[in-house]
C-alpha cells in the first residue's frame, strides 16, 4: 500500500475567540482598577470615621455646697437657715449704712413679717415674746433675723437684700442649697 498524501490543510484558527478573550481580559483589568480605586476610597473613609478621637481633657469638677459664695469665697453650711443667716450677717457687717434699705427690701416679700428688724417685737408683730424668741436669731448689733423660713421664701428675699446692699446676685453672691458640681 502506498501512502497517500494528504493535502496540507491547516485547521482553521479561532481568531475571533482570541480577540474576545483579549477584550474580556482588558475589560476585567479596567473593572479591577475601578474596584481597587473604590476600595481605597472606602478604606480611607472607614479609617477616618473609626479613628479614635483625641481626648480633650475635661475641666476638673469639684463639689461645692451646700452653702454660699460671697465675693469669691465659699462658705459651707449644712442647712438652709444657716446659709440664709450667714449671708445676711455678712451683708449687715459689710454694709452697715444699708441695713435699713436691706431690711425694707426683704420686708416687701412679707405680709406681716419684717424678716430682719431691730427688735424681736418688730420682727414678729402680734406674736408672743416666747414665740418671737424661738423663731428669731441675733444678726449683728441690735438686729434680729427671722429663722422660721422655708427655702423658697429665702430664695426670694435674699436676692432683694443683696441688691439693696449694692451687690449683684449670681455674680457677687451665689447660694447653693444643695451640693453642686462646678468646673474647678
C-alpha atoms as a PDB file:
ATOM      1  CA  UNK A   1       0.000   0.000   0.000  1.00  0.00           C
ATOM      2  CA  UNK A   2       1.065   3.204  -0.806  1.00  0.00           C
ATOM      3  CA  UNK A   3       0.968   6.073   1.429  1.00  0.00           C
ATOM      4  CA  UNK A   4      -1.418   8.579   0.335  1.00  0.00           C
ATOM      5  CA  UNK A   5      -0.612  12.074   0.536  1.00  0.00           C
ATOM      6  CA  UNK A   6      -2.965  14.306   2.315  1.00  0.00           C
ATOM      7  CA  UNK A   7      -3.305  17.770   1.296  1.00  0.00           C
ATOM      8  CA  UNK A   8      -1.737  20.215   3.657  1.00  0.00           C
ATOM      9  CA  UNK A   9      -4.860  21.563   5.277  1.00  0.00           C
ATOM     10  CA  UNK A  10      -4.407  23.625   8.290  1.00  0.00           C
ATOM     11  CA  UNK A  11      -7.199  23.697  10.739  1.00  0.00           C
ATOM     12  CA  UNK A  12      -8.874  26.986  10.939  1.00  0.00           C
ATOM     13  CA  UNK A  13      -7.566  29.126  13.897  1.00  0.00           C
ATOM     14  CA  UNK A  14     -10.231  30.611  16.228  1.00  0.00           C
ATOM     15  CA  UNK A  15      -9.048  34.168  15.893  1.00  0.00           C
ATOM     16  CA  UNK A  16     -12.394  35.617  16.864  1.00  0.00           C
ATOM     17  CA  UNK A  17     -12.336  33.717  20.156  1.00  0.00           C
ATOM     18  CA  UNK A  18      -8.846  35.018  20.911  1.00  0.00           C
ATOM     19  CA  UNK A  19      -9.984  38.584  20.307  1.00  0.00           C
ATOM     20  CA  UNK A  20     -12.968  38.068  22.595  1.00  0.00           C
ATOM     21  CA  UNK A  21     -10.708  36.718  25.338  1.00  0.00           C
ATOM     22  CA  UNK A  22      -8.297  39.656  24.946  1.00  0.00           C
ATOM     23  CA  UNK A  23     -11.219  42.061  25.088  1.00  0.00           C
ATOM     24  CA  UNK A  24     -12.639  40.380  28.215  1.00  0.00           C
ATOM     25  CA  UNK A  25      -9.233  40.486  29.934  1.00  0.00           C
ATOM     26  CA  UNK A  26      -8.864  44.196  29.100  1.00  0.00           C
ATOM     27  CA  UNK A  27     -12.393  44.948  30.439  1.00  0.00           C
ATOM     28  CA  UNK A  28     -11.652  42.887  33.574  1.00  0.00           C
ATOM     29  CA  UNK A  29      -8.449  44.872  34.194  1.00  0.00           C
ATOM     30  CA  UNK A  30     -10.388  48.138  33.905  1.00  0.00           C
ATOM     31  CA  UNK A  31     -13.106  46.818  36.228  1.00  0.00           C
ATOM     32  CA  UNK A  32     -10.490  45.665  38.757  1.00  0.00           C
ATOM     33  CA  UNK A  33      -8.808  49.098  38.606  1.00  0.00           C
ATOM     34  CA  UNK A  34     -12.203  50.744  39.243  1.00  0.00           C
ATOM     35  CA  UNK A  35     -12.935  48.384  42.161  1.00  0.00           C
ATOM     36  CA  UNK A  36      -9.480  48.916  43.673  1.00  0.00           C
ATOM     37  CA  UNK A  37      -9.966  52.698  43.489  1.00  0.00           C
ATOM     38  CA  UNK A  38     -13.352  52.425  45.188  1.00  0.00           C
ATOM     39  CA  UNK A  39     -11.891  50.066  47.817  1.00  0.00           C
ATOM     40  CA  UNK A  40      -9.157  52.600  48.624  1.00  0.00           C
ATOM     41  CA  UNK A  41     -11.728  55.395  48.967  1.00  0.00           C
ATOM     42  CA  UNK A  42     -13.960  53.301  51.255  1.00  0.00           C
ATOM     43  CA  UNK A  43     -10.995  52.143  53.345  1.00  0.00           C
ATOM     44  CA  UNK A  44      -9.822  55.734  53.790  1.00  0.00           C
ATOM     45  CA  UNK A  45     -13.342  56.795  54.888  1.00  0.00           C
ATOM     46  CA  UNK A  46     -13.589  53.837  57.279  1.00  0.00           C
ATOM     47  CA  UNK A  47     -10.226  54.779  58.796  1.00  0.00           C
ATOM     48  CA  UNK A  48     -11.399  58.371  59.215  1.00  0.00           C
ATOM     49  CA  UNK A  49     -14.693  57.541  60.934  1.00  0.00           C
ATOM     50  CA  UNK A  50     -13.274  54.819  63.188  1.00  0.00           C
ATOM     51  CA  UNK A  51     -10.084  56.650  64.164  1.00  0.00           C
ATOM     52  CA  UNK A  52     -10.041  57.294  67.919  1.00  0.00           C
ATOM     53  CA  UNK A  53     -10.755  60.934  68.615  1.00  0.00           C
ATOM     54  CA  UNK A  54      -8.162  62.808  70.618  1.00  0.00           C
ATOM     55  CA  UNK A  55      -9.230  63.084  74.208  1.00  0.00           C
ATOM     56  CA  UNK A  56      -9.921  66.649  75.171  1.00  0.00           C
ATOM     57  CA  UNK A  57      -9.297  66.861  78.879  1.00  0.00           C
ATOM     58  CA  UNK A  58     -12.408  67.935  80.744  1.00  0.00           C
ATOM     59  CA  UNK A  59     -12.098  70.709  83.214  1.00  0.00           C
ATOM     60  CA  UNK A  60     -11.757  69.147  86.641  1.00  0.00           C
ATOM     61  CA  UNK A  61     -15.023  69.244  88.544  1.00  0.00           C
ATOM     62  CA  UNK A  62     -15.352  69.970  92.210  1.00  0.00           C
ATOM     63  CA  UNK A  63     -18.269  69.603  94.559  1.00  0.00           C
ATOM     64  CA  UNK A  64     -19.377  72.679  96.426  1.00  0.00           C
ATOM     65  CA  UNK A  65     -22.164  73.370  98.838  1.00  0.00           C
ATOM     66  CA  UNK A  66     -24.487  73.365 100.312  1.00  0.00           C
ATOM     67  CA  UNK A  67     -23.528  76.870 101.275  1.00  0.00           C
ATOM     68  CA  UNK A  68     -22.914  80.267  99.789  1.00  0.00           C
ATOM     69  CA  UNK A  69     -20.343  82.043  97.721  1.00  0.00           C
ATOM     70  CA  UNK A  70     -19.808  85.602  98.899  1.00  0.00           C
ATOM     71  CA  UNK A  71     -17.485  87.884  96.972  1.00  0.00           C
ATOM     72  CA  UNK A  72     -15.434  84.982  95.645  1.00  0.00           C
ATOM     73  CA  UNK A  73     -15.142  82.978  98.878  1.00  0.00           C
ATOM     74  CA  UNK A  74     -17.095  79.791  99.545  1.00  0.00           C
ATOM     75  CA  UNK A  75     -18.741  79.120 102.928  1.00  0.00           C
ATOM     76  CA  UNK A  76     -20.190  75.668 103.543  1.00  0.00           C
ATOM     77  CA  UNK A  77     -23.301  75.158 105.680  1.00  0.00           C
ATOM     78  CA  UNK A  78     -25.416  72.078 106.227  1.00  0.00           C
ATOM     79  CA  UNK A  79     -28.863  73.611 106.461  1.00  0.00           C
ATOM     80  CA  UNK A  80     -30.800  76.330 104.674  1.00  0.00           C
ATOM     81  CA  UNK A  81     -31.310  78.677 107.599  1.00  0.00           C
ATOM     82  CA  UNK A  82     -27.561  78.778 108.300  1.00  0.00           C
ATOM     83  CA  UNK A  83     -26.928  79.780 104.675  1.00  0.00           C
ATOM     84  CA  UNK A  84     -29.589  82.472 104.994  1.00  0.00           C
ATOM     85  CA  UNK A  85     -28.341  83.897 108.287  1.00  0.00           C
ATOM     86  CA  UNK A  86     -24.671  83.777 107.313  1.00  0.00           C
ATOM     87  CA  UNK A  87     -25.330  85.726 104.117  1.00  0.00           C
ATOM     88  CA  UNK A  88     -27.405  88.345 105.938  1.00  0.00           C
ATOM     89  CA  UNK A  89     -24.780  88.638 108.672  1.00  0.00           C
ATOM     90  CA  UNK A  90     -22.095  89.255 106.065  1.00  0.00           C
ATOM     91  CA  UNK A  91     -24.240  91.889 104.335  1.00  0.00           C
ATOM     92  CA  UNK A  92     -25.112  93.598 107.644  1.00  0.00           C
ATOM     93  CA  UNK A  93     -21.431  93.617 108.649  1.00  0.00           C
ATOM     94  CA  UNK A  94     -20.028  94.796 105.311  1.00  0.00           C
ATOM     95  CA  UNK A  95     -22.729  97.387 104.566  1.00  0.00           C
ATOM     96  CA  UNK A  96     -23.874  98.882 107.913  1.00  0.00           C
ATOM     97  CA  UNK A  97     -25.130 102.046 106.224  1.00  0.00           C
ATOM     98  CA  UNK A  98     -27.521  99.979 104.055  1.00  0.00           C
ATOM     99  CA  UNK A  99     -29.099  97.878 106.822  1.00  0.00           C
ATOM    100  CA  UNK A 100     -32.396  99.770 106.786  1.00  0.00           C
ATOM    101  CA  UNK A 101     -32.600  99.523 102.977  1.00  0.00           C
ATOM    102  CA  UNK A 102     -31.851  95.792 103.049  1.00  0.00           C
ATOM    103  CA  UNK A 103     -34.480  95.172 105.760  1.00  0.00           C
ATOM    104  CA  UNK A 104     -37.043  97.184 103.809  1.00  0.00           C
ATOM    105  CA  UNK A 105     -36.269  95.318 100.557  1.00  0.00           C
ATOM    106  CA  UNK A 106     -36.690  91.976 102.327  1.00  0.00           C
ATOM    107  CA  UNK A 107     -39.890  93.161 104.017  1.00  0.00           C
ATOM    108  CA  UNK A 108     -41.526  93.688 100.619  1.00  0.00           C
ATOM    109  CA  UNK A 109     -41.880  89.896 100.405  1.00  0.00           C
ATOM    110  CA  UNK A 110     -43.782  89.529 103.667  1.00  0.00           C
ATOM    111  CA  UNK A 111     -47.321  90.263 104.731  1.00  0.00           C
ATOM    112  CA  UNK A 112     -46.906  90.851 108.477  1.00  0.00           C
ATOM    113  CA  UNK A 113     -43.246  89.935 108.877  1.00  0.00           C
ATOM    114  CA  UNK A 114     -40.158  92.041 108.506  1.00  0.00           C
ATOM    115  CA  UNK A 115     -37.589  89.189 108.122  1.00  0.00           C
ATOM    116  CA  UNK A 116     -34.961  91.491 109.687  1.00  0.00           C
ATOM    117  CA  UNK A 117     -35.622  94.077 112.388  1.00  0.00           C
ATOM    118  CA  UNK A 118     -34.013  95.902 115.306  1.00  0.00           C
ATOM    119  CA  UNK A 119     -36.203  94.152 117.887  1.00  0.00           C
ATOM    120  CA  UNK A 120     -37.871  90.770 118.081  1.00  0.00           C
ATOM    121  CA  UNK A 121     -41.192  92.515 118.620  1.00  0.00           C
ATOM    122  CA  UNK A 122     -40.749  94.393 115.328  1.00  0.00           C
ATOM    123  CA  UNK A 123     -39.735  91.163 113.649  1.00  0.00           C
ATOM    124  CA  UNK A 124     -42.960  89.362 114.618  1.00  0.00           C
ATOM    125  CA  UNK A 125     -45.775  91.834 115.342  1.00  0.00           C
ATOM    126  CA  UNK A 126     -48.797  90.237 117.004  1.00  0.00           C
ATOM    127  CA  UNK A 127     -46.789  87.255 118.279  1.00  0.00           C
ATOM    128  CA  UNK A 128     -45.948  86.448 121.914  1.00  0.00           C
ATOM    129  CA  UNK A 129     -42.412  87.127 123.113  1.00  0.00           C
ATOM    130  CA  UNK A 130     -41.696  83.418 123.632  1.00  0.00           C
ATOM    131  CA  UNK A 131     -42.692  82.700 120.032  1.00  0.00           C
ATOM    132  CA  UNK A 132     -40.516  85.550 118.739  1.00  0.00           C
ATOM    133  CA  UNK A 133     -37.535  84.299 120.755  1.00  0.00           C
ATOM    134  CA  UNK A 134     -38.000  80.765 119.462  1.00  0.00           C
ATOM    135  CA  UNK A 135     -38.161  81.747 115.766  1.00  0.00           C
ATOM    136  CA  UNK A 136     -35.569  84.524 115.629  1.00  0.00           C
ATOM    137  CA  UNK A 137     -31.818  84.694 115.848  1.00  0.00           C
ATOM    138  CA  UNK A 138     -29.453  87.574 116.562  1.00  0.00           C
ATOM    139  CA  UNK A 139     -27.931  89.015 113.416  1.00  0.00           C
ATOM    140  CA  UNK A 140     -25.472  91.786 114.352  1.00  0.00           C
ATOM    141  CA  UNK A 141     -25.547  94.587 116.925  1.00  0.00           C
ATOM    142  CA  UNK A 142     -29.218  95.025 117.834  1.00  0.00           C
ATOM    143  CA  UNK A 143     -30.627  93.376 114.713  1.00  0.00           C
ATOM    144  CA  UNK A 144     -32.587  90.120 114.608  1.00  0.00           C
ATOM    145  CA  UNK A 145     -33.499  87.838 111.750  1.00  0.00           C
ATOM    146  CA  UNK A 146     -36.484  85.570 111.149  1.00  0.00           C
ATOM    147  CA  UNK A 147     -35.385  81.912 111.369  1.00  0.00           C
ATOM    148  CA  UNK A 148     -38.797  80.434 110.569  1.00  0.00           C
ATOM    149  CA  UNK A 149     -38.497  80.370 106.764  1.00  0.00           C
ATOM    150  CA  UNK A 150     -38.581  77.782 104.044  1.00  0.00           C
ATOM    151  CA  UNK A 151     -36.076  77.631 101.220  1.00  0.00           C
ATOM    152  CA  UNK A 152     -38.472  79.113  98.659  1.00  0.00           C
ATOM    153  CA  UNK A 153     -39.021  82.207 100.804  1.00  0.00           C
ATOM    154  CA  UNK A 154     -35.279  82.579 101.432  1.00  0.00           C
ATOM    155  CA  UNK A 155     -34.682  82.270  97.675  1.00  0.00           C
ATOM    156  CA  UNK A 156     -36.918  85.303  97.143  1.00  0.00           C
ATOM    157  CA  UNK A 157     -35.781  87.600  99.928  1.00  0.00           C
ATOM    158  CA  UNK A 158     -32.019  87.061  99.767  1.00  0.00           C
ATOM    159  CA  UNK A 159     -31.642  88.491  96.229  1.00  0.00           C
ATOM    160  CA  UNK A 160     -33.583  91.577  97.391  1.00  0.00           C
ATOM    161  CA  UNK A 161     -31.175  92.095 100.301  1.00  0.00           C
ATOM    162  CA  UNK A 162     -28.156  91.587  98.042  1.00  0.00           C
ATOM    163  CA  UNK A 163     -29.462  94.126  95.540  1.00  0.00           C
ATOM    164  CA  UNK A 164     -30.200  96.656  98.292  1.00  0.00           C
ATOM    165  CA  UNK A 165     -26.617  96.219  99.503  1.00  0.00           C
ATOM    166  CA  UNK A 166     -25.384  97.171  96.029  1.00  0.00           C
ATOM    167  CA  UNK A 167     -24.115  93.722  95.054  1.00  0.00           C
ATOM    168  CA  UNK A 168     -25.134  91.566  92.113  1.00  0.00           C
ATOM    169  CA  UNK A 169     -26.953  88.292  92.719  1.00  0.00           C
ATOM    170  CA  UNK A 170     -25.357  85.434  90.777  1.00  0.00           C
ATOM    171  CA  UNK A 171     -22.069  87.303  90.454  1.00  0.00           C
ATOM    172  CA  UNK A 172     -21.060  88.671  93.849  1.00  0.00           C
ATOM    173  CA  UNK A 173     -23.338  86.318  95.774  1.00  0.00           C
ATOM    174  CA  UNK A 174     -24.498  82.789  94.973  1.00  0.00           C
ATOM    175  CA  UNK A 175     -26.341  80.287  97.124  1.00  0.00           C
ATOM    176  CA  UNK A 176     -26.051  76.535  96.747  1.00  0.00           C
ATOM    177  CA  UNK A 177     -28.979  74.937  98.527  1.00  0.00           C
ATOM    178  CA  UNK A 178     -27.676  71.502  97.601  1.00  0.00           C
ATOM    179  CA  UNK A 179     -24.232  70.152  96.759  1.00  0.00           C
ATOM    180  CA  UNK A 180     -23.353  71.085  93.171  1.00  0.00           C
ATOM    181  CA  UNK A 181     -20.680  70.127  90.662  1.00  0.00           C
ATOM    182  CA  UNK A 182     -18.814  73.066  89.138  1.00  0.00           C
ATOM    183  CA  UNK A 183     -15.713  73.372  86.989  1.00  0.00           C
ATOM    184  CA  UNK A 184     -12.762  73.730  89.263  1.00  0.00           C
END
